[in-house]
Amino acid sequence: MDQKIINLFDEYTHKPLSREVFLSKLTKMVGGTAAAMAVLPMLEGKYAFANKVAEDDEDIVAEDISFAGPNCTMKGYLVKPKNLKGKVGGVLVIHENRGLTPHIKDVTRRIAKAGYLALGIDALSPFGGTPSNEDEGRALFPKLDPKQNIENVMSGFGYLNSLEQSNQKTACVGFCWGGGLVNDMAVNYPELDGGVAYYGRQAKAEDVPKIKAKLLLQYGGLDERINAGIAAYEEALKANKVDYKVFVYEGAQHAFNNDASPARYNPEVAKLAWERTLALFEEVLK
């Protein structure tokens, strides 16, 4: 797909453009309404085709949960390995700027199937949770109070540690907006053992000395908007002797892990990035 179309969609999902303006520009770019309607499904989420771990998978137990947060009742999607023997680490899963979508719930199930307690946190809990309409959900993110949002997301670690099966070790993984929150968690939660940020904005250089967690930072090579901050972040991480790794996957788009978005999903890169993610969990959560 033409990179200009990908860039337009990125502008729509992150600026954001209104849907009307986005569709108008897309129609002009591809040469007509019919062509635009053909391209659109390759850009937007097709969740029915992207489940790698079914909700009724025999190795997991999944449920929607709620708990008392610092600023509101928090909602989430908790998935545990079935028939656990002993205690295991917990992973907080932080969603993109669409909310707790079926794709992120599937990622949460993948982590539990790998043997960990997994909580997909719903950062839109102050508004009652993620709406079914993605445009409505995306419009709520600018309304989040930044300080309260960090507190709310961070409360997921306390919930994970309160579970009987927890070994009190925690990690987090986040995508896009959630990737940026992974860096925020590393800054604000010194007990964090590990964080994996997929194509997320970087922490401020002056906040890097607070980071104690081991970090894995993964980016798409074509994601110029996010990648612009890598060099300064790396410099600060090195200066403060933070244990980290950075991977920039050449030819990969922003959201290369999202298998519900065919135009941007890169199966080879996603597989390698996921193997590296699980390797970090293995290292810090056992």
Protein backbone atom coordinates (compact mmCIF):
# COMPACT_ATOMS: atom_id res chain seq x y z
CA MET A 1 0.00 0.00 0.00
CA ASP A 2 1.18 3.51 -0.83
CA GLN A 3 3.05 5.02 2.14
CA LYS A 4 1.09 8.25 1.70
CA ILE A 5 -2.11 6.35 2.53
CA ILE A 6 -0.49 4.84 5.64
CA ASN A 7 0.69 8.29 6.71
CA LEU A 8 -2.78 9.74 6.21
CA PHE A 9 -4.30 6.99 8.34
CA ASP A 10 -1.66 7.62 11.00
CA GLU A 11 -2.58 11.30 11.00
CA TYR A 12 -6.25 10.36 11.36
CA THR A 13 -5.65 8.01 14.26
CA HIS A 14 -3.19 10.19 16.16
CA LYS A 15 -3.85 13.85 15.41
CA PRO A 16 -6.70 13.09 14.92
CA LEU A 17 -8.42 14.26 11.79
CA SER A 18 -12.18 13.97 11.87
CA ARG A 19 -13.48 10.91 10.07
CA GLU A 20 -15.13 13.11 7.47
CA VAL A 21 -11.87 14.91 6.64
CA PHE A 22 -9.94 11.63 6.62
CA LEU A 23 -12.39 9.98 4.22
CA SER A 24 -12.41 13.04 1.98
CA LYS A 25 -8.62 13.07 1.74
CA LEU A 26 -8.48 9.30 1.25
CA THR A 27 -11.04 9.49 -1.56
CA LYS A 28 -9.01 12.14 -3.38
CA MET A 29 -5.77 10.23 -2.81
CA VAL A 30 -7.00 6.92 -4.26
CA GLY A 31 -9.15 8.39 -7.02
CA GLY A 32 -12.72 7.85 -5.93
CA THR A 33 -15.21 6.64 -3.36
CA ALA A 34 -15.21 3.01 -4.54
CA ALA A 35 -11.44 2.79 -4.27
CA ALA A 36 -11.51 4.42 -0.82
CA MET A 37 -14.07 1.90 0.43
CA ALA A 38 -11.87 -0.92 -0.87
CA VAL A 39 -8.80 0.41 0.94
CA LEU A 40 -10.53 1.24 4.23
CA PRO A 41 -10.95 -2.37 5.53
CA MET A 42 -7.21 -2.92 5.13
CA LEU A 43 -6.53 0.04 7.42
CA GLU A 44 -9.17 -0.36 10.10
CA GLY A 45 -9.49 -3.15 12.64
CA LYS A 46 -10.73 -6.56 11.49
CA TYR A 47 -10.82 -8.18 14.89
CA ALA A 48 -12.73 -11.30 13.92
CA PHE A 49 -9.76 -12.48 11.88
CA ALA A 50 -6.99 -11.68 14.35
CA ASN A 51 -7.57 -13.86 17.41
CA LYS A 52 -4.52 -16.01 18.08
CA VAL A 53 -5.80 -17.34 21.42
CA ALA A 54 -9.51 -18.02 21.79
CA GLU A 55 -11.39 -16.92 24.91
CA ASP A 56 -12.28 -20.54 25.63
CA ASP A 57 -8.72 -21.81 25.16
CA GLU A 58 -8.22 -24.76 27.49
CA ASP A 59 -5.02 -23.32 28.99
CA ILE A 60 -6.45 -20.03 30.30
CA VAL A 61 -9.26 -18.47 32.33
CA ALA A 62 -10.42 -14.99 31.26
CA GLU A 63 -12.83 -12.54 32.88
CA ASP A 64 -13.78 -8.87 32.88
CA ILE A 65 -12.94 -7.34 36.25
CA SER A 66 -13.20 -4.05 38.12
CA PHE A 67 -11.37 -2.74 41.17
CA ALA A 68 -11.07 0.45 43.19
CA GLY A 69 -8.58 2.77 41.53
CA PRO A 70 -7.06 6.01 42.83
CA ASN A 71 -9.47 8.23 40.89
CA CYS A 72 -12.32 5.98 39.72
CA THR A 73 -13.46 2.39 39.50
CA MET A 74 -10.97 0.75 37.16
CA LYS A 75 -11.97 -1.85 34.58
CA GLY A 76 -9.86 -4.48 32.97
CA TYR A 77 -9.58 -7.89 31.36
CA LEU A 78 -7.86 -10.44 33.58
CA VAL A 79 -6.49 -13.66 32.13
CA LYS A 80 -4.76 -16.37 34.15
CA PRO A 81 -3.12 -19.65 33.24
CA LYS A 82 -5.43 -22.50 34.17
CA ASN A 83 -4.41 -24.96 36.90
CA LEU A 84 -1.48 -22.90 38.14
CA LYS A 85 0.99 -24.68 40.40
CA GLY A 86 2.94 -22.13 42.38
CA LYS A 87 3.20 -18.40 41.91
CA VAL A 88 4.01 -16.48 38.72
CA GLY A 89 4.74 -12.95 37.60
CA GLY A 90 2.16 -10.45 36.41
CA VAL A 91 2.05 -8.45 33.18
CA LEU A 92 0.08 -5.24 32.69
CA VAL A 93 -1.06 -4.81 29.08
CA ILE A 94 -1.61 -1.19 27.98
CA HIS A 95 -3.71 -0.56 24.91
CA GLU A 96 -3.47 1.74 21.91
CA ASN A 97 -5.41 4.99 21.57
CA ARG A 98 -8.59 3.07 20.78
CA GLY A 99 -8.99 1.55 24.22
CA LEU A 100 -9.28 -2.04 25.39
CA THR A 101 -10.10 -3.52 21.99
CA PRO A 102 -10.54 -7.19 21.02
CA HIS A 103 -6.99 -7.12 19.67
CA ILE A 104 -5.52 -6.02 23.01
CA LYS A 105 -7.65 -8.61 24.80
CA ASP A 106 -6.16 -11.22 22.48
CA VAL A 107 -2.64 -10.02 23.32
CA THR A 108 -3.56 -10.36 27.00
CA ARG A 109 -4.64 -13.96 26.42
CA ARG A 110 -1.37 -14.69 24.61
CA ILE A 111 0.58 -13.58 27.67
CA ALA A 112 -1.48 -15.74 30.02
CA LYS A 113 -1.05 -18.72 27.71
CA ALA A 114 2.71 -18.14 28.02
CA GLY A 115 2.33 -18.69 31.76
CA TYR A 116 1.81 -15.29 33.38
CA LEU A 117 -0.98 -13.39 35.11
CA ALA A 118 -2.10 -10.82 32.54
CA LEU A 119 -4.24 -7.74 33.03
CA GLY A 120 -5.43 -5.66 30.09
CA ILE A 121 -6.10 -2.34 31.82
CA ASP A 122 -8.81 -0.01 30.51
CA ALA A 123 -7.45 3.53 30.68
CA LEU A 124 -10.85 4.87 29.63
CA SER A 125 -12.35 3.69 32.92
CA PRO A 126 -12.93 7.31 34.06
CA PHE A 127 -15.51 7.49 31.25
CA GLY A 128 -17.09 4.14 32.06
CA GLY A 129 -14.73 2.08 29.93
CA THR A 130 -13.91 1.64 26.25
CA PRO A 131 -16.88 2.30 23.95
CA SER A 132 -17.59 -0.08 21.09
CA ASN A 133 -17.16 2.70 18.51
CA GLU A 134 -13.44 3.34 17.95
CA ASP A 135 -13.92 6.96 16.91
CA GLU A 136 -15.79 7.64 20.13
CA GLY A 137 -13.04 5.95 22.11
CA ARG A 138 -10.26 7.84 20.35
CA ALA A 139 -12.00 11.14 21.07
CA LEU A 140 -11.89 10.44 24.82
CA PHE A 141 -8.10 10.22 25.12
CA PRO A 142 -7.43 13.98 24.98
CA LYS A 143 -9.90 14.36 27.85
CA LEU A 144 -7.86 12.17 30.21
CA ASP A 145 -6.07 14.02 32.99
CA PRO A 146 -2.38 13.10 32.41
CA LYS A 147 -1.43 12.78 36.08
CA GLN A 148 -4.55 10.83 37.01
CA ASN A 149 -4.13 8.64 33.95
CA ILE A 150 -0.67 7.54 35.06
CA GLU A 151 -2.01 6.86 38.57
CA ASN A 152 -4.94 4.88 37.18
CA VAL A 153 -2.86 2.73 34.86
CA MET A 154 -0.22 2.19 37.54
CA SER A 155 -2.89 0.87 39.92
CA GLY A 156 -3.00 -2.25 37.76
CA PHE A 157 0.28 -3.38 39.27
CA GLY A 158 -1.21 -3.29 42.75
CA TYR A 159 -4.14 -5.34 41.53
CA LEU A 160 -1.85 -7.94 39.96
CA ASN A 161 0.26 -8.14 43.13
CA SER A 162 -2.89 -8.65 45.21
CA LEU A 163 -3.70 -11.90 43.42
CA GLU A 164 -3.00 -15.07 45.35
CA GLN A 165 -1.02 -16.54 42.45
CA SER A 166 1.34 -13.52 42.16
CA ASN A 167 5.05 -13.86 42.91
CA GLN A 168 5.19 -10.05 43.32
CA LYS A 169 7.20 -9.52 40.14
CA THR A 170 5.70 -7.24 37.48
CA ALA A 171 6.25 -6.20 33.91
CA CYS A 172 4.24 -4.25 31.37
CA VAL A 173 3.84 -4.17 27.63
CA GLY A 174 2.14 -1.42 25.63
CA PHE A 175 1.42 -0.48 22.05
CA CYS A 176 1.39 2.98 20.45
CA TRP A 177 -0.26 5.19 23.11
CA GLY A 178 0.29 2.31 25.52
CA GLY A 179 3.94 2.09 24.51
CA GLY A 180 4.38 5.64 25.73
CA LEU A 181 2.66 4.65 28.97
CA VAL A 182 5.19 1.82 29.42
CA ASN A 183 7.91 4.47 29.57
CA ASP A 184 5.76 6.46 32.02
CA MET A 185 5.35 3.35 34.18
CA ALA A 186 9.12 2.82 34.22
CA VAL A 187 9.57 6.40 35.42
CA ASN A 188 6.80 6.38 38.03
CA TYR A 189 6.80 2.80 39.34
CA PRO A 190 10.28 1.97 40.67
CA GLU A 191 9.21 -1.58 41.57
CA LEU A 192 8.67 -2.42 37.89
CA ASP A 193 10.90 -5.30 36.80
CA GLY A 194 10.56 -4.95 33.04
CA GLY A 195 8.81 -2.94 30.34
CA VAL A 196 8.27 -3.54 26.63
CA ALA A 197 7.26 -0.49 24.59
CA TYR A 198 6.03 -1.07 21.06
CA TYR A 199 6.30 2.09 18.93
CA GLY A 200 5.56 4.39 21.86
CA ARG A 201 6.69 7.92 22.65
CA GLN A 202 9.76 8.17 24.82
CA ALA A 203 10.10 9.41 28.40
CA LYS A 204 11.56 12.84 29.01
CA ALA A 205 15.35 12.79 29.34
CA GLU A 206 15.19 14.45 32.76
CA ASP A 207 12.99 11.60 34.04
CA VAL A 208 15.26 8.77 32.89
CA PRO A 209 17.32 8.66 36.14
CA LYS A 210 14.16 7.35 37.87
CA ILE A 211 14.03 4.24 35.68
CA LYS A 212 15.03 0.99 37.41
CA ALA A 213 13.30 -1.54 35.14
CA LYS A 214 14.86 -3.45 32.27
CA LEU A 215 13.47 -2.00 29.03
CA LEU A 216 12.83 -3.42 25.57
CA LEU A 217 11.99 -0.68 23.03
CA GLN A 218 10.66 -1.81 19.65
CA TYR A 219 9.96 0.47 16.68
CA GLY A 220 8.89 0.27 13.05
CA GLY A 221 11.52 1.66 10.69
CA LEU A 222 8.93 3.65 8.71
CA ASP A 223 7.44 5.29 11.81
CA GLU A 224 9.14 8.67 11.47
CA ARG A 225 6.83 10.46 13.93
CA ILE A 226 7.71 8.23 16.89
CA ASN A 227 11.27 7.39 15.84
CA ALA A 228 12.29 11.05 15.98
CA GLY A 229 12.66 10.70 19.75
CA ILE A 230 14.81 7.55 19.84
CA ALA A 231 18.28 9.13 19.72
CA ALA A 232 17.75 11.49 22.67
CA TYR A 233 16.12 8.73 24.71
CA GLU A 234 18.99 6.32 24.04
CA GLU A 235 21.52 8.97 25.02
CA ALA A 236 19.75 9.48 28.36
CA LEU A 237 19.36 5.75 28.97
CA LYS A 238 23.07 5.16 28.35
CA ALA A 239 24.10 8.12 30.51
CA ASN A 240 22.05 6.75 33.41
CA LYS A 241 23.16 3.13 32.89
CA VAL A 242 19.62 1.83 32.38
CA ASP A 243 19.45 -1.78 31.23
CA TYR A 244 17.75 -1.53 27.83
CA LYS A 245 17.65 -2.77 24.25
CA VAL A 246 16.35 -0.92 21.19
CA PHE A 247 15.24 -2.59 17.97
CA VAL A 248 14.18 -0.64 14.89
CA TYR A 249 12.69 -3.02 12.34
CA GLU A 250 13.45 -1.76 8.86
CA GLY A 251 10.49 -1.64 6.50
CA ALA A 252 7.96 -2.05 9.33
CA GLN A 253 5.12 0.39 9.92
CA HIS A 254 3.80 1.89 13.12
CA ALA A 255 1.46 -0.76 14.59
CA PHE A 256 3.37 -3.61 12.92
CA ASN A 257 2.18 -5.95 15.68
CA ASN A 258 -1.53 -5.26 15.16
CA ASP A 259 -2.76 -8.24 13.15
CA ALA A 260 -6.22 -6.64 13.02
CA SER A 261 -4.81 -3.94 10.70
CA PRO A 262 -3.72 -5.74 7.50
CA ALA A 263 -2.12 -2.72 5.83
CA ARG A 264 0.34 -2.21 8.68
CA TYR A 265 0.71 -5.69 10.19
CA ASN A 266 4.07 -7.30 9.51
CA PRO A 267 3.90 -10.98 10.51
CA GLU A 268 7.65 -11.65 10.34
CA VAL A 269 8.57 -8.59 12.39
CA ALA A 270 5.68 -9.17 14.82
CA LYS A 271 6.85 -12.75 15.42
CA LEU A 272 10.43 -11.69 16.14
CA ALA A 273 9.33 -8.80 18.37
CA TRP A 274 7.01 -11.11 20.31
CA GLU A 275 9.78 -13.67 20.83
CA ARG A 276 11.94 -10.89 22.26
CA THR A 277 9.04 -9.75 24.44
CA LEU A 278 8.56 -13.21 25.93
CA ALA A 279 12.31 -13.53 26.44
CA LEU A 280 12.29 -10.38 28.57
CA PHE A 281 9.35 -11.67 30.61
CA GLU A 282 11.21 -14.94 31.12
CA GLU A 283 14.23 -13.03 32.37
CA VAL A 284 12.53 -10.61 34.78
CA LEU A 285 9.42 -12.43 36.03
CA LYS A 286 10.65 -15.89 37.01
